[in-house]
Amino acid sequence: MLIRIIQRSLVRRRQRKMLSALAVALGITVATVVGTMMLDVGDRINRELRSFGANISVTPAADGLPVEIGGIDYRPAGAGAFLRADDLAKIKTIFWRNNIVAFAPFLYLPATVQGRRAVIIGTWFHHAVPVNGGEVFETGVQDLHPTWQVRGRWPSDGDLQSCLVGQRLARALHLRPGDAVRVSVGGTVPPAFAAASKPSASVMQFEISGMVETGGPEEDQIFAPLETVQRLARQPGKVRRVEVSALTKPEDDFARRDPSRMSPEELERWSCSPYVRSIAYQIQQAIPGSVAQPVLPVAETEGKILNRVGALMGLLAAAALITAALAVASMMLANVFERRAEIGLYKALGATDARVALIFLIEASVVGVAGGTIGYFAGSALAWRLAIRVFGTPAGIHWAILPAVLLLALVVTWVGSAGPLARGLKAPAAAALRN
């Protein structure tokens, strides 16, 4: 009998049921878009934020007092401690190795460029790093700083006499891509470069492949292949600093705790969370004689952006669901008002308020499931289109969130139906039948 009553009720008021299902579908569509974007596109958003640059800095643990201006080490090349370039591949062996987007080593060498004091920086531009299992990880400054604007072309790591000149330095010296520039350094030039430095033994001649614009101190520097600067500094296989770009999650109070004071269980949970501090800690453990520190301004800025984006998307989803619940409430109120006599008849025949409420809630549940199903597929399609427009790649369909979406649709429907149904059940059966 109960099933027959519900079937006839759904058939008789189809237009109102369709409007209720549509209201639920619209709310669930927004919720599905938010859920899909957070699951499938969250890493892509994080990768876009990686254009800020490195968020982890690795330096020698035994290094002396640094002399840095604008992030550039101005000490003589032989001063201080160094890291081994051969150890950098170990960065891709940590637990969070898949979160490492890029890294690049740096070796600084004070020099004179055509009479002007500057620093020549040795680094990888686009370097293939062999890691365990025969895998090759391609990384370098191009991947570490994708927002750097280069006029001309990036140098090749194999062309040991090519270089990249900062925009301000090039403007001051009237240099353009394709020009030759002479760089004077202390000491003598190794025999491998003697042919290219005919004017004197302390002069190295480079060909400018491009000029870089960063808006920072890099515009007053010269970038050359790491191997070239290592030979000029007579520090083969050594680097002064490594910058690492890693995908991380926003930090909380637990992330800022000192790992040395954690219990084994807390340390395991902390290490298994992609905090910038936990990734830096693992890098420090992997590279002998190193200290890895988060670049806090970058990490904190990314965390704030991700938190605010997440809060905004959650607010949009909540607003859509509240609107859907209000629409369901208005439909249910009209439905209860029209069926006052039916409710009175149920009560006169001995039905309890719980039994009458069950009839209406089952009807509302059918409508909610229908609206939730429609909203899930509509939201997945919309997220797919948004991902293509914003990130250039489509978002997948996540069947795992379908049960959660249907449950959310039922909750929205029940919440919207609760108020009107409670109000309708208060009316006495005799009054409802008499009217």
Protein backbone atom coordinates (compact mmCIF):
# COMPACT_ATOMS: atom_id res chain seq x y z
CA MET A 1 0.00 0.00 0.00
CA LEU A 2 2.80 2.43 0.90
CA ILE A 3 4.56 1.85 -2.41
CA ARG A 4 1.30 2.38 -4.34
CA ILE A 5 0.63 5.67 -2.52
CA ILE A 6 4.11 6.96 -3.32
CA GLN A 7 3.92 5.91 -6.97
CA ARG A 8 0.59 7.68 -7.50
CA SER A 9 1.85 10.79 -5.73
CA LEU A 10 4.94 11.00 -7.93
CA VAL A 11 2.85 10.61 -11.09
CA ARG A 12 0.16 13.12 -10.14
CA ARG A 13 2.40 16.14 -9.45
CA ARG A 14 5.11 15.64 -11.99
CA GLN A 15 5.75 19.31 -12.76
CA ARG A 16 6.41 20.23 -9.13
CA LYS A 17 8.60 17.16 -8.67
CA MET A 18 10.60 18.07 -11.76
CA LEU A 19 11.15 21.61 -10.47
CA SER A 20 12.34 20.22 -7.12
CA ALA A 21 14.70 17.79 -8.88
CA LEU A 22 16.03 20.65 -11.01
CA ALA A 23 16.71 22.77 -7.91
CA VAL A 24 18.64 19.90 -6.31
CA ALA A 25 20.48 19.24 -9.57
CA LEU A 26 21.69 22.85 -9.80
CA GLY A 27 23.07 22.76 -6.28
CA ILE A 28 24.72 19.38 -6.77
CA THR A 29 26.20 20.55 -10.08
CA VAL A 30 28.14 23.30 -8.33
CA ALA A 31 29.19 20.92 -5.54
CA THR A 32 30.39 18.36 -8.09
CA VAL A 33 32.38 20.99 -9.97
CA VAL A 34 34.07 22.07 -6.74
CA GLY A 35 34.81 18.48 -5.69
CA THR A 36 36.19 17.51 -9.08
CA MET A 37 38.33 20.63 -9.34
CA MET A 38 39.78 20.07 -5.87
CA LEU A 39 40.52 16.39 -6.57
CA ASP A 40 41.66 16.48 -10.17
CA VAL A 41 42.91 20.02 -10.67
CA GLY A 42 44.31 20.75 -7.22
CA ASP A 43 47.82 19.67 -8.26
CA ARG A 44 47.54 21.73 -11.44
CA ILE A 45 46.67 24.82 -9.43
CA ASN A 46 49.64 24.08 -7.22
CA ARG A 47 51.85 23.70 -10.28
CA GLU A 48 50.68 27.07 -11.56
CA LEU A 49 51.67 28.55 -8.20
CA ARG A 50 55.11 26.99 -8.61
CA SER A 51 55.85 29.82 -11.07
CA PHE A 52 56.68 31.82 -7.93
CA GLY A 53 60.00 29.96 -7.95
CA ALA A 54 61.72 27.64 -5.50
CA ASN A 55 60.15 27.04 -2.10
CA ILE A 56 63.08 25.05 -0.64
CA SER A 57 66.73 26.14 -0.43
CA VAL A 58 69.51 23.59 0.16
CA THR A 59 72.94 24.79 1.39
CA PRO A 60 76.00 23.12 2.94
CA ALA A 61 75.64 22.41 6.66
CA ALA A 62 79.29 23.34 7.33
CA ASP A 63 79.17 26.58 5.37
CA GLY A 64 80.63 29.67 6.97
CA LEU A 65 79.02 33.06 7.41
CA PRO A 66 77.33 33.88 4.09
CA VAL A 67 77.82 37.17 2.30
CA GLU A 68 74.59 37.56 0.34
CA ILE A 69 72.98 40.56 -1.33
CA GLY A 70 69.67 40.02 -3.07
CA GLY A 71 70.01 36.24 -2.69
CA ILE A 72 73.43 36.13 -4.44
CA ASP A 73 76.50 34.74 -2.64
CA TYR A 74 79.38 37.21 -3.15
CA ARG A 75 82.06 35.25 -1.30
CA PRO A 76 85.18 34.15 -3.22
CA ALA A 77 84.67 30.86 -5.01
CA GLY A 78 87.05 29.01 -2.70
CA ALA A 79 85.46 30.23 0.53
CA GLY A 80 82.87 28.28 2.46
CA ALA A 81 81.66 24.72 2.03
CA PHE A 82 80.09 23.07 -1.00
CA LEU A 83 77.64 20.38 -1.98
CA ARG A 84 78.48 17.62 -4.42
CA ALA A 85 76.65 17.90 -7.72
CA ASP A 86 76.56 14.10 -7.94
CA ASP A 87 74.38 13.98 -4.80
CA LEU A 88 71.59 16.08 -6.30
CA ALA A 89 69.98 13.06 -7.95
CA LYS A 90 69.12 11.86 -4.44
CA ILE A 91 66.46 14.55 -4.26
CA LYS A 92 64.37 12.31 -6.53
CA THR A 93 64.73 9.34 -4.17
CA ILE A 94 62.86 10.74 -1.15
CA PHE A 95 59.35 9.63 -0.17
CA TRP A 96 57.81 12.72 -1.80
CA ARG A 97 59.94 12.45 -4.96
CA ASN A 98 56.89 12.76 -7.21
CA ASN A 99 56.15 16.14 -5.64
CA ILE A 100 59.52 17.52 -6.77
CA VAL A 101 58.71 19.67 -9.80
CA ALA A 102 62.18 21.02 -10.52
CA PHE A 103 65.53 21.85 -8.94
CA ALA A 104 68.70 23.60 -10.04
CA PRO A 105 72.17 24.03 -8.52
CA PHE A 106 74.01 27.35 -8.36
CA LEU A 107 77.69 28.25 -8.10
CA TYR A 108 78.56 31.94 -7.73
CA LEU A 109 81.78 33.52 -8.99
CA PRO A 110 82.54 37.26 -8.61
CA ALA A 111 83.75 38.67 -11.92
CA THR A 112 84.22 41.80 -13.97
CA VAL A 113 82.18 42.12 -17.15
CA GLN A 114 83.76 44.64 -19.52
CA GLY A 115 84.85 46.80 -16.60
CA ARG A 116 81.64 46.40 -14.56
CA ARG A 117 81.50 44.31 -11.38
CA ALA A 118 79.00 41.46 -11.50
CA VAL A 119 78.58 37.83 -10.56
CA ILE A 120 78.69 34.95 -12.99
CA ILE A 121 76.39 32.14 -11.89
CA GLY A 122 76.83 28.57 -12.97
CA THR A 123 73.65 26.50 -13.19
CA TRP A 124 71.71 23.95 -15.18
CA PHE A 125 69.46 25.38 -17.86
CA HIS A 126 67.81 22.13 -18.96
CA HIS A 127 69.71 19.14 -17.63
CA ALA A 128 68.96 15.42 -17.69
CA VAL A 129 69.53 13.91 -14.23
CA PRO A 130 69.70 10.08 -14.06
CA VAL A 131 67.91 8.65 -11.04
CA ASN A 132 67.39 5.16 -9.68
CA GLY A 133 65.90 2.55 -11.97
CA GLY A 134 67.19 4.09 -15.20
CA GLU A 135 64.75 6.99 -15.02
CA VAL A 136 65.86 10.39 -16.31
CA PHE A 137 64.54 13.57 -14.70
CA GLU A 138 64.88 16.71 -16.80
CA THR A 139 65.25 19.85 -14.75
CA GLY A 140 66.99 23.21 -14.60
CA VAL A 141 66.38 26.93 -14.38
CA GLN A 142 63.90 26.81 -17.27
CA ASP A 143 61.67 24.50 -15.25
CA LEU A 144 62.41 26.14 -11.89
CA HIS A 145 61.56 29.68 -13.03
CA PRO A 146 59.05 29.38 -15.89
CA THR A 147 58.06 33.05 -15.60
CA TRP A 148 61.49 34.37 -16.49
CA GLN A 149 61.26 36.27 -19.77
CA VAL A 150 64.14 35.50 -22.14
CA ARG A 151 64.81 37.63 -25.18
CA GLY A 152 66.67 35.37 -27.58
CA ARG A 153 67.07 31.75 -26.54
CA TRP A 154 68.05 29.78 -23.48
CA PRO A 155 71.68 28.59 -23.46
CA SER A 156 72.44 24.90 -23.82
CA ASP A 157 74.20 23.04 -21.01
CA GLY A 158 76.41 21.41 -23.63
CA ASP A 159 77.59 24.73 -25.09
CA LEU A 160 80.12 25.71 -22.43
CA GLN A 161 80.74 29.18 -23.87
CA SER A 162 77.13 30.37 -24.11
CA CYS A 163 75.57 32.55 -21.45
CA LEU A 164 72.43 34.40 -20.40
CA VAL A 165 72.84 38.07 -19.44
CA GLY A 166 70.53 39.99 -17.13
CA GLN A 167 68.42 42.69 -18.76
CA ARG A 168 69.79 45.60 -16.68
CA LEU A 169 73.39 44.53 -17.14
CA ALA A 170 72.90 44.10 -20.89
CA ARG A 171 71.27 47.53 -21.14
CA ALA A 172 74.10 49.17 -19.21
CA LEU A 173 76.76 47.54 -21.42
CA HIS A 174 74.74 47.88 -24.68
CA LEU A 175 74.73 44.13 -25.26
CA ARG A 176 72.37 42.14 -27.45
CA PRO A 177 71.82 38.42 -28.18
CA GLY A 178 74.58 37.13 -30.40
CA ASP A 179 77.22 39.52 -29.06
CA ALA A 180 80.45 38.32 -27.47
CA VAL A 181 81.19 39.41 -23.92
CA ARG A 182 84.45 39.13 -22.02
CA VAL A 183 84.30 38.12 -18.38
CA SER A 184 87.34 38.61 -16.17
CA VAL A 185 87.74 36.41 -13.10
CA GLY A 186 90.48 35.98 -10.50
CA GLY A 187 93.24 33.45 -11.09
CA THR A 188 93.93 31.76 -14.38
CA VAL A 189 91.70 30.13 -16.88
CA PRO A 190 92.02 26.35 -17.22
CA PRO A 191 93.74 25.09 -20.39
CA ALA A 192 90.41 23.89 -21.81
CA PHE A 193 89.37 27.55 -22.18
CA ALA A 194 92.70 29.07 -23.12
CA ALA A 195 91.88 29.20 -26.83
CA ALA A 196 88.78 31.22 -26.18
CA SER A 197 90.55 33.75 -23.96
CA LYS A 198 93.39 35.11 -26.08
CA PRO A 199 93.49 38.67 -24.57
CA SER A 200 94.80 37.31 -21.19
CA ALA A 201 94.76 34.19 -19.06
CA SER A 202 92.08 35.64 -16.68
CA VAL A 203 89.54 36.53 -19.36
CA MET A 204 86.81 34.24 -20.62
CA GLN A 205 84.83 35.08 -23.71
CA PHE A 206 81.15 34.08 -23.89
CA GLU A 207 78.54 34.32 -26.59
CA ILE A 208 75.26 35.84 -25.42
CA SER A 209 72.40 33.52 -26.37
CA GLY A 210 69.72 35.63 -24.68
CA MET A 211 68.86 38.30 -22.14
CA VAL A 212 66.72 37.49 -19.12
CA GLU A 213 64.16 39.72 -17.40
CA THR A 214 63.09 38.66 -13.91
CA GLY A 215 62.34 41.89 -12.03
CA GLY A 216 64.93 40.85 -9.41
CA PRO A 217 68.69 40.89 -8.80
CA GLU A 218 69.19 38.30 -11.55
CA GLU A 219 68.98 41.13 -14.08
CA ASP A 220 72.46 42.29 -12.98
CA GLN A 221 74.06 38.83 -13.30
CA ILE A 222 75.36 36.47 -15.96
CA PHE A 223 74.22 32.84 -16.10
CA ALA A 224 76.50 30.23 -17.66
CA PRO A 225 76.60 26.43 -17.76
CA LEU A 226 77.52 24.96 -14.39
CA GLU A 227 80.47 23.02 -15.76
CA THR A 228 82.01 26.21 -17.16
CA VAL A 229 81.82 28.08 -13.86
CA GLN A 230 83.09 25.04 -11.95
CA ARG A 231 86.21 25.03 -14.11
CA LEU A 232 86.70 28.78 -13.79
CA ALA A 233 86.33 28.53 -10.00
CA ARG A 234 88.48 25.38 -9.88
CA GLN A 235 85.70 23.60 -8.00
CA PRO A 236 84.89 20.58 -10.19
CA GLY A 237 81.69 18.79 -9.22
CA LYS A 238 80.83 21.37 -6.52
CA VAL A 239 77.83 23.67 -6.07
CA ARG A 240 77.12 26.35 -3.49
CA ARG A 241 73.34 26.15 -3.32
CA VAL A 242 70.38 24.20 -4.68
CA GLU A 243 66.90 25.59 -5.19
CA VAL A 244 64.03 23.09 -5.17
CA SER A 245 60.46 23.56 -6.32
CA ALA A 246 58.03 21.09 -4.70
CA LEU A 247 54.28 20.63 -4.62
CA THR A 248 53.14 21.11 -1.03
CA LYS A 249 50.01 21.50 1.06
CA PRO A 250 49.29 24.60 3.19
CA GLU A 251 50.94 24.47 6.58
CA ASP A 252 49.07 24.25 9.85
CA ASP A 253 50.22 24.22 13.49
CA PHE A 254 51.21 20.56 13.28
CA ALA A 255 53.44 21.26 10.25
CA ARG A 256 55.45 23.85 12.20
CA ARG A 257 56.37 21.50 15.05
CA ASP A 258 59.97 20.45 15.60
CA PRO A 259 60.41 16.89 14.25
CA SER A 260 63.14 16.16 16.81
CA ARG A 261 60.55 16.49 19.60
CA MET A 262 57.88 14.32 18.00
CA SER A 263 56.94 10.82 19.00
CA PRO A 264 57.53 8.07 16.38
CA GLU A 265 53.82 8.08 15.49
CA GLU A 266 53.72 11.88 15.13
CA LEU A 267 56.93 11.89 13.06
CA GLU A 268 55.48 9.28 10.71
CA ARG A 269 52.27 11.28 10.25
CA TRP A 270 54.28 14.48 9.76
CA SER A 271 56.61 12.85 7.21
CA CYS A 272 53.67 11.37 5.31
CA SER A 273 52.13 14.82 4.79
CA PRO A 274 53.49 16.94 1.92
CA TYR A 275 54.31 19.97 4.07
CA VAL A 276 57.15 22.12 2.77
CA ARG A 277 59.02 21.50 6.04
CA SER A 278 58.64 17.72 5.86
CA ILE A 279 59.84 17.63 2.23
CA ALA A 280 62.79 19.86 3.16
CA TYR A 281 63.57 17.54 6.09
CA GLN A 282 63.64 14.50 3.79
CA ILE A 283 65.91 16.30 1.29
CA GLN A 284 68.28 17.18 4.12
CA GLN A 285 68.36 13.53 5.15
CA ALA A 286 69.06 12.41 1.57
CA ILE A 287 71.93 14.81 0.73
CA PRO A 288 74.97 14.37 3.00
CA GLY A 289 76.22 17.51 4.74
CA SER A 290 73.29 19.67 3.70
CA VAL A 291 70.74 21.93 5.35
CA ALA A 292 67.37 22.28 3.61
CA GLN A 293 65.19 25.19 4.65
CA PRO A 294 61.78 26.32 3.35
CA VAL A 295 61.69 29.65 1.56
CA LEU A 296 59.01 30.89 3.92
CA PRO A 297 57.74 33.95 1.98
CA VAL A 298 57.06 31.75 -1.06
CA ALA A 299 55.61 28.83 0.93
CA GLU A 300 53.39 31.07 3.07
CA THR A 301 52.11 32.98 0.02
CA GLU A 302 51.22 29.74 -1.76
CA GLY A 303 49.48 28.45 1.38
CA LYS A 304 47.40 31.60 1.69
CA ILE A 305 46.39 31.46 -1.96
CA LEU A 306 45.43 27.78 -1.80
CA ASN A 307 43.48 28.30 1.43
CA ARG A 308 41.60 31.28 0.02
CA VAL A 309 40.84 29.52 -3.25
CA GLY A 310 39.56 26.51 -1.31
CA ALA A 311 37.48 28.72 0.99
CA LEU A 312 36.00 30.56 -1.99
CA MET A 313 35.07 27.35 -3.78
CA GLY A 314 33.58 25.93 -0.58
CA LEU A 315 31.55 29.11 -0.09
CA LEU A 316 30.18 28.87 -3.63
CA ALA A 317 29.20 25.24 -3.09
CA ALA A 318 27.53 26.04 0.26
CA ALA A 319 25.59 28.94 -1.28
CA ALA A 320 24.37 26.71 -4.12
CA LEU A 321 23.28 23.95 -1.72
CA ILE A 322 21.48 26.41 0.57
CA THR A 323 19.66 27.84 -2.44
CA ALA A 324 18.67 24.33 -3.51
CA ALA A 325 17.38 23.55 0.00
CA LEU A 326 15.27 26.73 0.01
CA ALA A 327 13.82 25.83 -3.40
CA VAL A 328 12.95 22.34 -2.16
CA ALA A 329 11.36 23.89 0.96
CA SER A 330 9.12 26.13 -1.12
CA MET A 331 8.04 23.20 -3.30
CA MET A 332 7.38 21.01 -0.27
CA LEU A 333 5.40 23.79 1.44
CA ALA A 334 3.13 24.08 -1.61
CA ASN A 335 2.85 20.29 -1.78
CA VAL A 336 1.86 19.97 1.89
CA PHE A 337 -0.64 22.84 1.58
CA GLU A 338 -2.37 21.16 -1.39
CA ARG A 339 -2.49 17.79 0.34
CA ARG A 340 -3.93 18.92 3.68
CA ALA A 341 -7.07 16.84 3.17
CA GLU A 342 -4.96 13.79 2.29
CA ILE A 343 -2.91 14.25 5.45
CA GLY A 344 -6.09 14.60 7.51
CA LEU A 345 -7.48 11.42 5.94
CA TYR A 346 -4.31 9.48 6.81
CA LYS A 347 -4.57 10.63 10.41
CA ALA A 348 -8.29 9.85 10.59
CA LEU A 349 -7.54 6.31 9.44
CA GLY A 350 -5.07 5.92 12.30
CA ALA A 351 -1.74 6.82 10.68
CA THR A 352 0.80 8.38 13.03
CA ASP A 353 2.71 11.56 12.26
CA ALA A 354 5.84 9.45 11.70
CA ARG A 355 4.07 7.31 9.09
CA VAL A 356 2.73 10.36 7.26
CA ALA A 357 6.15 12.03 7.37
CA LEU A 358 7.70 8.82 5.98
CA ILE A 359 5.47 9.01 2.89
CA PHE A 360 6.54 12.57 2.11
CA LEU A 361 10.22 11.92 2.88
CA ILE A 362 10.34 8.89 0.58
CA GLU A 363 8.85 11.00 -2.21
CA ALA A 364 11.41 13.72 -1.50
CA SER A 365 14.23 11.14 -1.46
CA VAL A 366 13.28 9.88 -4.92
CA VAL A 367 13.34 13.46 -6.18
CA GLY A 368 16.68 14.10 -4.41
CA VAL A 369 18.37 11.02 -5.88
CA ALA A 370 17.15 11.96 -9.37
CA GLY A 371 18.39 15.53 -8.96
CA GLY A 372 21.70 14.36 -7.48
CA THR A 373 22.33 12.00 -10.39
CA ILE A 374 21.59 14.72 -12.93
CA GLY A 375 23.74 17.20 -11.00
CA TYR A 376 26.67 14.79 -10.79
CA PHE A 377 26.89 14.25 -14.55
CA ALA A 378 26.23 17.93 -15.31
CA GLY A 379 28.90 18.98 -12.80
CA SER A 380 31.42 16.49 -14.19
CA ALA A 381 30.84 17.80 -17.70
CA LEU A 382 31.19 21.40 -16.54
CA ALA A 383 34.41 20.63 -14.63
CA TRP A 384 35.76 18.93 -17.75
CA ARG A 385 35.13 22.07 -19.80
CA LEU A 386 36.52 24.41 -17.14
CA ALA A 387 39.72 22.38 -16.83
CA ILE A 388 40.26 22.60 -20.59
CA ARG A 389 39.64 26.35 -20.67
CA VAL A 390 41.82 27.15 -17.64
CA PHE A 391 44.56 24.48 -17.68
CA GLY A 392 44.44 23.13 -21.22
CA THR A 393 43.77 19.54 -20.11
CA PRO A 394 40.42 17.92 -19.24
CA ALA A 395 39.40 16.77 -15.78
CA GLY A 396 38.39 13.14 -15.34
CA ILE A 397 35.13 11.70 -14.05
CA HIS A 398 35.55 10.59 -10.44
CA TRP A 399 33.07 7.82 -9.73
CA ALA A 400 34.33 7.67 -6.14
CA ILE A 401 32.53 10.91 -5.28
CA LEU A 402 29.17 9.75 -6.71
CA PRO A 403 27.98 8.14 -3.40
CA ALA A 404 28.97 11.29 -1.49
CA VAL A 405 27.14 13.45 -4.04
CA LEU A 406 23.95 11.37 -3.79
CA LEU A 407 24.09 11.47 0.01
CA LEU A 408 24.55 15.24 -0.15
CA ALA A 409 21.52 15.49 -2.45
CA LEU A 410 19.44 13.50 0.05
CA VAL A 411 20.58 15.72 2.92
CA VAL A 412 19.66 18.86 0.98
CA THR A 413 16.25 17.42 0.17
CA TRP A 414 15.56 16.30 3.76
CA VAL A 415 16.68 19.63 5.22
CA GLY A 416 14.48 21.53 2.78
CA SER A 417 11.48 19.28 3.49
CA ALA A 418 11.76 19.21 7.29
CA GLY A 419 10.27 22.65 8.04
CA PRO A 420 7.21 22.56 5.74
CA LEU A 421 6.45 18.96 6.70
CA ALA A 422 6.59 19.69 10.43
CA ARG A 423 4.27 22.64 9.91
CA GLY A 424 1.79 20.58 7.90
CA LEU A 425 1.64 17.79 10.46
CA LYS A 426 0.60 20.21 13.22
CA ALA A 427 -2.85 20.74 11.65
CA PRO A 428 -5.62 18.67 13.36
CA ALA A 429 -7.12 15.96 11.19
CA ALA A 430 -10.73 17.12 11.77
CA ALA A 431 -9.94 20.70 10.74
CA ALA A 432 -8.15 19.51 7.59
CA LEU A 433 -11.06 17.30 6.54
CA ARG A 434 -13.70 19.96 7.32
CA ASN A 435 -11.89 22.60 5.24
